[in-house]
Amino acid sequence: EIPGPLQDTVITLSSLSTNLDFATISWSVNGSTVHSGIGKKSYSFKTGTVGSITTIEIAVTIDGVPPITKRIIIQPLEMDLLWEAIDSYVPPFYKGKALLASEGLVKVVAIPNMRAADGVRRKPSDFGYVWTHNYNTVSESSGYGKNSFIFRNNYLNDGEHISVTASSMKGNYRASKNIQLNPISPKIILYETTWQKGT
């Protein structure tokens, strides 16, 4: 539904008023015809890099019927999701990440990667966000500029599924990302250290 950069994508036509199987359908990409014929209802292609514009134009022709045209503009947006267990603890200088424990508090941050046609990188605060937690929309955490989501893990859940969709104000940029977080059982690790008198 929301293709990302350099992603294989398929567009399929459907109509309730026109029998597309007997129609002559022509596909063009950025002004050049790339696919045409009778009943050619689908077209596969690869999206461009982040921020690049791909314009798909479709012309459907049937004898005795005015041509039907459709234009689709795809401008892929990339997004990263970062998370941290904000009430977990690791010793100083520990080289690992603080993991999610049962009933732990987690913060997830969405970072869109988007350069518009003018070359300016869009800030995370330029987008609107819709967050879902275990496939349920979280209305109070969704909205314009709300690129972070904080929740507490439920001990009854084996894992937590988090997804977010970011959209620009005009709706011409969109991206979606999801992650699965699985709580880890805490454990105590003892290690030996050397102590000398006077040190």
Protein backbone atom coordinates (compact mmCIF):
# COMPACT_ATOMS: atom_id res chain seq x y z
CA GLU A 1 0.00 0.00 0.00
CA ILE A 2 2.85 2.38 0.80
CA PRO A 3 5.90 1.44 -1.31
CA GLY A 4 9.29 2.45 0.02
CA PRO A 5 12.46 3.40 -1.87
CA LEU A 6 13.89 0.92 -4.39
CA GLN A 7 11.01 -1.47 -3.74
CA ASP A 8 9.33 -3.79 -6.27
CA THR A 9 5.80 -2.46 -6.75
CA VAL A 10 2.72 -3.61 -8.67
CA ILE A 11 -0.15 -1.39 -9.81
CA THR A 12 -3.39 -3.18 -10.75
CA LEU A 13 -6.41 -1.59 -12.39
CA SER A 14 -10.00 -2.45 -11.53
CA SER A 15 -13.33 -1.00 -12.67
CA LEU A 16 -17.00 -1.63 -11.90
CA SER A 17 -18.21 0.18 -15.03
CA THR A 18 -15.71 -0.88 -17.71
CA ASN A 19 -14.66 -4.35 -18.86
CA LEU A 20 -10.90 -3.87 -18.75
CA ASP A 21 -10.24 -7.30 -20.31
CA PHE A 22 -11.30 -5.91 -23.73
CA ALA A 23 -9.82 -2.42 -23.31
CA THR A 24 -6.58 -1.14 -24.80
CA ILE A 25 -4.49 -0.01 -21.86
CA SER A 26 -1.34 2.06 -22.15
CA TRP A 27 1.12 2.67 -19.31
CA SER A 28 3.72 5.43 -19.27
CA VAL A 29 6.40 6.22 -16.69
CA ASN A 30 7.70 9.78 -16.48
CA GLY A 31 6.37 10.51 -19.97
CA SER A 32 7.63 7.37 -21.76
CA THR A 33 5.31 4.50 -22.76
CA VAL A 34 6.55 1.30 -21.16
CA HIS A 35 3.63 -1.12 -21.41
CA SER A 36 0.52 -1.35 -23.60
CA GLY A 37 -1.97 -3.78 -25.09
CA ILE A 38 -5.44 -5.25 -24.71
CA GLY A 39 -6.27 -6.23 -21.13
CA LYS A 40 -2.93 -5.09 -19.71
CA LYS A 41 -4.42 -4.38 -16.28
CA SER A 42 -1.25 -4.49 -14.21
CA TYR A 43 2.26 -3.11 -14.35
CA SER A 44 5.32 -3.93 -12.23
CA PHE A 45 8.20 -1.55 -11.59
CA LYS A 46 10.74 -0.52 -8.97
CA THR A 47 10.39 2.73 -7.09
CA GLY A 48 13.19 5.29 -7.10
CA THR A 49 15.43 6.51 -4.31
CA VAL A 50 14.19 8.48 -1.30
CA GLY A 51 12.38 11.62 -2.46
CA SER A 52 12.52 10.81 -6.18
CA ILE A 53 9.30 11.26 -8.16
CA THR A 54 7.84 8.53 -10.37
CA THR A 55 4.78 9.57 -12.37
CA ILE A 56 2.63 6.73 -13.73
CA GLU A 57 0.00 7.61 -16.33
CA ILE A 58 -2.60 5.08 -17.52
CA ALA A 59 -4.86 5.49 -20.54
CA VAL A 60 -7.79 3.09 -21.04
CA THR A 61 -9.44 3.06 -24.47
CA ILE A 62 -12.58 1.18 -25.57
CA ASP A 63 -14.32 1.65 -28.94
CA GLY A 64 -17.14 4.16 -28.67
CA VAL A 65 -16.21 5.26 -25.15
CA PRO A 66 -14.20 8.40 -24.28
CA PRO A 67 -10.70 7.51 -23.08
CA ILE A 68 -10.27 7.06 -19.36
CA THR A 69 -7.04 8.36 -17.84
CA LYS A 70 -5.45 7.96 -14.44
CA ARG A 71 -2.29 9.47 -12.96
CA ILE A 72 -0.40 8.14 -9.95
CA ILE A 73 2.57 9.97 -8.44
CA ILE A 74 4.87 7.97 -6.15
CA GLN A 75 7.49 9.68 -4.03
CA PRO A 76 8.92 7.13 -1.58
CA LEU A 77 9.73 8.04 1.99
CA GLU A 78 12.02 6.05 4.25
CA MET A 79 11.58 5.80 8.01
CA ASP A 80 13.46 4.27 10.94
CA LEU A 81 11.99 3.14 14.25
CA LEU A 82 14.23 3.33 17.32
CA TRP A 83 13.26 2.10 20.76
CA GLU A 84 14.63 2.20 24.28
CA ALA A 85 13.59 0.67 27.58
CA ILE A 86 13.44 3.86 29.63
CA ASP A 87 13.07 2.25 33.06
CA SER A 88 15.59 -0.55 32.58
CA TYR A 89 19.12 -0.55 33.99
CA VAL A 90 22.54 -1.66 32.83
CA PRO A 91 25.87 -1.14 34.68
CA PRO A 92 28.09 1.82 33.72
CA PHE A 93 30.18 1.25 30.59
CA TYR A 94 28.08 -1.78 29.68
CA LYS A 95 28.44 -2.24 25.92
CA GLY A 96 24.99 -3.69 25.34
CA LYS A 97 21.50 -2.20 25.13
CA ALA A 98 19.04 -2.05 28.01
CA LEU A 99 16.42 -4.64 27.11
CA LEU A 100 12.68 -4.66 27.66
CA ALA A 101 11.60 -6.47 30.82
CA SER A 102 8.10 -7.64 31.70
CA GLU A 103 5.90 -4.63 32.55
CA GLY A 104 8.73 -2.35 31.45
CA LEU A 105 8.27 1.14 30.04
CA VAL A 106 9.28 1.60 26.39
CA LYS A 107 9.73 4.64 24.16
CA VAL A 108 9.56 4.22 20.38
CA VAL A 109 10.69 7.08 18.10
CA ALA A 110 9.94 7.42 14.38
CA ILE A 111 12.57 9.18 12.24
CA PRO A 112 11.45 9.86 8.65
CA ASN A 113 14.20 10.21 6.05
CA MET A 114 12.90 12.54 3.38
CA ARG A 115 14.48 15.02 1.00
CA ALA A 116 12.01 16.95 -1.11
CA ALA A 117 12.59 18.00 -4.71
CA ASP A 118 14.27 21.19 -3.46
CA GLY A 119 16.87 19.09 -1.64
CA VAL A 120 15.76 20.17 1.83
CA ARG A 121 15.52 17.39 4.41
CA ARG A 122 12.16 17.34 6.14
CA LYS A 123 12.15 17.34 9.95
CA PRO A 124 10.23 14.70 11.97
CA SER A 125 8.00 17.50 13.24
CA ASP A 126 6.83 18.18 9.66
CA PHE A 127 4.77 14.97 9.56
CA GLY A 128 1.61 13.60 11.10
CA TYR A 129 1.78 10.17 12.74
CA VAL A 130 -0.70 7.37 13.35
CA TRP A 131 0.51 4.86 15.95
CA THR A 132 -0.92 1.39 16.50
CA HIS A 133 -0.18 -0.89 19.46
CA ASN A 134 -0.98 -4.57 18.93
CA TYR A 135 -3.00 -3.58 15.84
CA ASN A 136 -5.13 -1.04 17.72
CA THR A 137 -4.84 2.66 16.86
CA VAL A 138 -3.61 4.79 19.76
CA SER A 139 -5.48 8.06 19.18
CA GLU A 140 -4.00 9.99 22.09
CA SER A 141 -0.45 9.36 20.87
CA SER A 142 -1.21 10.06 17.20
CA GLY A 143 -1.22 13.45 15.54
CA TYR A 144 0.87 16.14 13.88
CA GLY A 145 4.48 16.16 15.08
CA LYS A 146 3.94 13.22 17.47
CA ASN A 147 6.85 11.08 16.34
CA SER A 148 7.28 9.21 19.65
CA PHE A 149 5.13 6.71 21.53
CA ILE A 150 5.55 5.54 25.14
CA PHE A 151 3.82 2.46 26.53
CA ARG A 152 4.17 -0.16 29.25
CA ASN A 153 4.56 -3.81 28.35
CA ASN A 154 1.72 -6.03 29.54
CA TYR A 155 2.98 -9.14 31.33
CA LEU A 156 0.17 -11.13 29.70
CA ASN A 157 1.58 -10.46 26.21
CA ASP A 158 4.36 -12.56 24.74
CA GLY A 159 5.32 -9.60 22.55
CA GLU A 160 4.33 -6.08 21.58
CA HIS A 161 3.64 -5.11 17.96
CA ILE A 162 4.14 -1.42 17.21
CA SER A 163 3.52 0.25 13.85
CA VAL A 164 3.39 3.84 12.67
CA THR A 165 2.42 5.64 9.47
CA ALA A 166 3.89 9.08 8.79
CA SER A 167 2.27 11.48 6.31
CA SER A 168 3.05 15.00 5.17
CA MET A 169 0.45 17.73 5.54
CA LYS A 170 -0.56 17.47 1.86
CA GLY A 171 -0.49 13.68 1.91
CA ASN A 172 2.04 13.46 -0.93
CA TYR A 173 4.66 11.80 1.30
CA ARG A 174 3.83 8.67 3.26
CA ALA A 175 5.79 5.90 4.94
CA SER A 176 4.95 3.01 7.24
CA LYS A 177 7.11 0.93 9.57
CA ASN A 178 6.54 -1.69 12.26
CA ILE A 179 8.55 -3.53 14.89
CA GLN A 180 7.99 -6.49 17.21
CA LEU A 181 9.31 -6.16 20.77
CA ASN A 182 9.65 -9.25 22.94
CA PRO A 183 10.25 -8.88 26.70
CA ILE A 184 13.28 -10.54 28.24
CA SER A 185 13.31 -12.21 31.67
CA PRO A 186 15.71 -10.33 33.97
CA LYS A 187 18.66 -12.22 35.43
CA ILE A 188 21.44 -11.54 37.90
CA ILE A 189 25.01 -12.06 36.74
CA LEU A 190 27.89 -12.22 39.26
CA TYR A 191 31.47 -11.67 38.25
CA GLU A 192 34.74 -11.81 40.14
CA THR A 193 36.87 -8.74 40.71
CA THR A 194 40.27 -8.29 42.34
CA TRP A 195 40.63 -6.08 45.41
CA GLN A 196 43.85 -5.06 47.11
CA LYS A 197 44.29 -3.28 50.38
CA GLY A 198 45.00 0.40 49.94
CA THR A 199 43.43 0.60 46.49
